[in-house]
Amino acid sequence: MFPVGGYGVMLLGALLSGLVCLGLAVALRRRLGWLGAGALAGLLWSVAVIACLTLIPANGAPGIVSAEGRLTTCSWDIGGPAPDGFWIFSGGQRLLNTVAFVPSGALLVVVAARWRATALLTVPLGLGLLAAYSVAIEKTQLELARIDRACDVTDIIDNITGAVLGVLVGLVLALLLRPWRRHNLTA
């Protein structure tokens, strides 16, 4: 049996990981400046929040999932029926899957833009890592039936779409914030 679950546990996980990431930002502020440290900590926090949303059972501890009731493959019904999602988003699960990855994509660009010379390499690499993270989440959902989640290729597509939209938002943010400027590098 998976011993924990529900929205409260998800929110607690998001809060605790946020506190850890805030501490990381404070510790890195002299090395990276507030903008760089905050963007890096925010990126790590957004990835942790995604894990809380996707790997903690949504409706409390589901109990035992029998071998017969366990899915053996991911759903390939692209764009097929999806549950309504969480109470936070009325637009449904597909909207949540997309929106959840937008901050990660945006913060990835702001972090990478601090080092302009390598940003053209690190942003596509980071986007690839976010896509791999989405695949790993779905694979985990498939393998761990006890978390009462389902593997769905549509989720991967929605997650990657959100990350790409986030990168576009991050490009605008980087142009506005200019994290490579000298005053952003000091505490």
Protein backbone atom coordinates (compact mmCIF):
# COMPACT_ATOMS: atom_id res chain seq x y z
CA MET A 1 0.00 0.00 0.00
CA PHE A 2 1.17 3.52 -0.80
CA PRO A 3 0.82 5.21 2.62
CA VAL A 4 0.21 8.83 1.64
CA GLY A 5 -1.77 10.84 -0.85
CA GLY A 6 -4.26 13.57 -1.50
CA TYR A 7 -4.09 17.25 -2.28
CA GLY A 8 -2.92 18.15 1.21
CA VAL A 9 0.15 15.93 0.85
CA MET A 10 0.86 17.44 -2.57
CA LEU A 11 0.65 20.96 -1.13
CA LEU A 12 2.82 20.00 1.84
CA GLY A 13 5.44 18.58 -0.54
CA ALA A 14 5.35 21.77 -2.60
CA LEU A 15 5.71 23.89 0.54
CA LEU A 16 8.60 21.89 1.99
CA SER A 17 10.48 21.77 -1.31
CA GLY A 18 9.87 25.50 -1.66
CA LEU A 19 11.48 26.16 1.70
CA VAL A 20 14.51 24.06 0.73
CA CYS A 21 14.81 25.92 -2.58
CA LEU A 22 14.46 29.29 -0.83
CA GLY A 23 17.38 28.30 1.40
CA LEU A 24 19.34 27.35 -1.70
CA ALA A 25 18.62 30.76 -3.27
CA VAL A 26 19.85 32.54 -0.15
CA ALA A 27 23.00 30.40 -0.09
CA LEU A 28 23.75 31.06 -3.78
CA ARG A 29 22.90 34.77 -3.91
CA ARG A 30 26.50 35.97 -3.53
CA ARG A 31 27.76 33.66 -6.22
CA LEU A 32 24.92 34.11 -8.73
CA GLY A 33 23.21 37.32 -7.63
CA TRP A 34 19.59 37.39 -6.53
CA LEU A 35 18.22 36.94 -10.02
CA GLY A 36 20.41 33.96 -10.90
CA ALA A 37 20.01 32.30 -7.50
CA GLY A 38 16.26 32.87 -7.49
CA ALA A 39 15.85 31.57 -11.04
CA LEU A 40 17.90 28.43 -10.32
CA ALA A 41 16.06 27.76 -7.06
CA GLY A 42 12.75 28.43 -8.81
CA LEU A 43 13.64 25.98 -11.57
CA LEU A 44 14.47 23.27 -9.05
CA TRP A 45 11.29 24.05 -7.10
CA SER A 46 9.13 23.86 -10.22
CA VAL A 47 10.58 20.42 -11.01
CA ALA A 48 9.88 19.30 -7.42
CA VAL A 49 6.29 20.59 -7.62
CA ILE A 50 5.78 18.63 -10.84
CA ALA A 51 6.92 15.49 -9.00
CA CYS A 52 4.46 16.22 -6.18
CA LEU A 53 1.59 16.73 -8.65
CA THR A 54 2.30 13.64 -10.70
CA LEU A 55 3.74 11.04 -8.34
CA ILE A 56 1.58 11.43 -5.23
CA PRO A 57 -1.84 9.77 -5.40
CA ALA A 58 -4.44 12.48 -6.02
CA ASN A 59 -7.24 10.94 -3.98
CA GLY A 60 -5.45 9.73 -0.89
CA ALA A 61 -3.75 6.42 -0.34
CA PRO A 62 -5.25 4.06 -2.96
CA GLY A 63 -4.51 0.85 -1.11
CA ILE A 64 -3.66 -2.25 -3.07
CA VAL A 65 -3.82 -2.38 -6.85
CA SER A 66 -4.10 -5.99 -7.97
CA ALA A 67 -1.84 -7.35 -10.69
CA GLU A 68 -4.90 -7.90 -12.85
CA GLY A 69 -6.02 -4.30 -12.42
CA ARG A 70 -2.63 -2.85 -13.23
CA LEU A 71 -2.01 -1.38 -16.68
CA THR A 72 0.82 -2.99 -18.60
CA THR A 73 1.34 -0.30 -21.25
CA CYS A 74 0.94 3.42 -21.66
CA SER A 75 -2.20 4.73 -23.30
CA TRP A 76 -1.52 5.77 -26.88
CA ASP A 77 -4.94 7.37 -27.29
CA ILE A 78 -3.48 10.77 -28.12
CA GLY A 79 -5.88 13.52 -27.15
CA GLY A 80 -8.31 10.91 -25.86
CA PRO A 81 -10.53 11.24 -22.85
CA ALA A 82 -8.81 12.72 -19.82
CA PRO A 83 -10.24 13.13 -16.34
CA ASP A 84 -11.37 16.55 -15.21
CA GLY A 85 -8.06 17.12 -13.44
CA PHE A 86 -7.52 18.73 -10.09
CA TRP A 87 -9.71 21.18 -8.24
CA ILE A 88 -7.14 23.94 -8.82
CA PHE A 89 -7.67 24.05 -12.61
CA SER A 90 -11.16 23.95 -14.04
CA GLY A 91 -9.80 23.42 -17.57
CA GLY A 92 -9.04 19.78 -16.95
CA GLN A 93 -6.04 17.55 -16.69
CA ARG A 94 -4.62 18.44 -20.11
CA LEU A 95 -4.46 22.11 -19.14
CA LEU A 96 -2.80 21.19 -15.85
CA ASN A 97 -0.25 19.01 -17.64
CA THR A 98 0.63 21.89 -19.94
CA VAL A 99 0.65 24.66 -17.33
CA ALA A 100 2.74 22.64 -14.86
CA PHE A 101 5.76 22.68 -17.19
CA VAL A 102 5.60 26.37 -18.23
CA PRO A 103 7.51 27.72 -15.17
CA SER A 104 10.27 25.13 -15.64
CA GLY A 105 10.77 26.14 -19.27
CA ALA A 106 10.72 29.86 -18.46
CA LEU A 107 13.14 29.59 -15.53
CA LEU A 108 15.43 27.35 -17.56
CA VAL A 109 15.94 30.20 -20.04
CA VAL A 110 16.50 32.82 -17.32
CA VAL A 111 19.11 30.58 -15.66
CA ALA A 112 20.81 29.76 -18.97
CA ALA A 113 20.78 33.40 -20.13
CA ARG A 114 23.09 34.32 -17.26
CA TRP A 115 25.84 32.75 -19.34
CA ARG A 116 24.94 34.08 -22.79
CA ALA A 117 27.81 32.30 -24.53
CA THR A 118 26.45 28.85 -23.67
CA ALA A 119 22.71 29.62 -23.59
CA LEU A 120 22.22 28.47 -27.18
CA LEU A 121 23.43 25.04 -26.10
CA THR A 122 22.00 24.81 -22.59
CA VAL A 123 18.42 25.85 -23.40
CA PRO A 124 17.82 23.07 -25.98
CA LEU A 125 19.66 20.61 -23.72
CA GLY A 126 17.52 21.69 -20.75
CA LEU A 127 14.36 21.41 -22.85
CA GLY A 128 15.42 17.88 -23.76
CA LEU A 129 15.94 17.10 -20.08
CA LEU A 130 12.45 18.41 -19.26
CA ALA A 131 11.04 16.15 -21.98
CA ALA A 132 13.00 13.20 -20.55
CA TYR A 133 11.68 14.11 -17.07
CA SER A 134 8.12 13.90 -18.43
CA VAL A 135 8.83 10.50 -19.97
CA ALA A 136 10.38 9.31 -16.69
CA ILE A 137 7.30 10.44 -14.75
CA GLU A 138 4.99 8.53 -17.07
CA LYS A 139 7.22 5.44 -16.88
CA THR A 140 7.17 5.68 -13.08
CA GLN A 141 3.37 5.98 -13.13
CA LEU A 142 3.22 2.84 -15.26
CA GLU A 143 5.59 0.80 -13.10
CA LEU A 144 4.26 1.88 -9.71
CA ALA A 145 0.62 0.86 -9.84
CA ARG A 146 0.34 1.64 -6.14
CA ILE A 147 0.35 5.37 -6.76
CA ASP A 148 -2.90 4.93 -8.70
CA ARG A 149 -1.77 6.94 -11.72
CA ALA A 150 -1.93 6.06 -15.41
CA CYS A 151 0.77 6.38 -18.04
CA ASP A 152 -0.47 8.39 -21.02
CA VAL A 153 1.45 9.60 -24.08
CA THR A 154 -0.91 12.60 -24.28
CA ASP A 155 0.51 13.73 -20.91
CA ILE A 156 4.03 13.70 -22.37
CA ILE A 157 2.89 15.76 -25.35
CA ASP A 158 1.11 18.25 -23.08
CA ASN A 159 4.14 18.47 -20.75
CA ILE A 160 6.54 19.14 -23.61
CA THR A 161 4.14 21.71 -25.05
CA GLY A 162 4.14 23.48 -21.68
CA ALA A 163 7.94 23.42 -21.50
CA VAL A 164 8.22 24.89 -25.01
CA LEU A 165 5.69 27.62 -24.14
CA GLY A 166 7.72 28.27 -21.00
CA VAL A 167 10.91 28.65 -23.05
CA LEU A 168 9.14 31.28 -25.17
CA VAL A 169 8.02 33.11 -22.02
CA GLY A 170 11.58 32.75 -20.67
CA LEU A 171 13.02 34.39 -23.78
CA VAL A 172 10.85 37.44 -23.15
CA LEU A 173 11.77 37.43 -19.45
CA ALA A 174 15.47 37.16 -20.24
CA LEU A 175 15.27 40.14 -22.59
CA LEU A 176 13.47 42.16 -19.90
CA LEU A 177 15.58 41.06 -16.91
CA ARG A 178 18.92 40.70 -18.71
CA PRO A 179 20.45 38.24 -16.23
CA TRP A 180 23.86 38.54 -17.89
CA ARG A 181 24.29 42.18 -16.81
CA ARG A 182 26.86 42.94 -14.15
CA HIS A 183 24.44 44.28 -11.50
CA ASN A 184 22.56 41.00 -11.61
CA LEU A 185 25.71 39.08 -10.78
CA THR A 186 26.38 40.63 -7.38
CA ALA A 187 24.56 40.37 -4.10
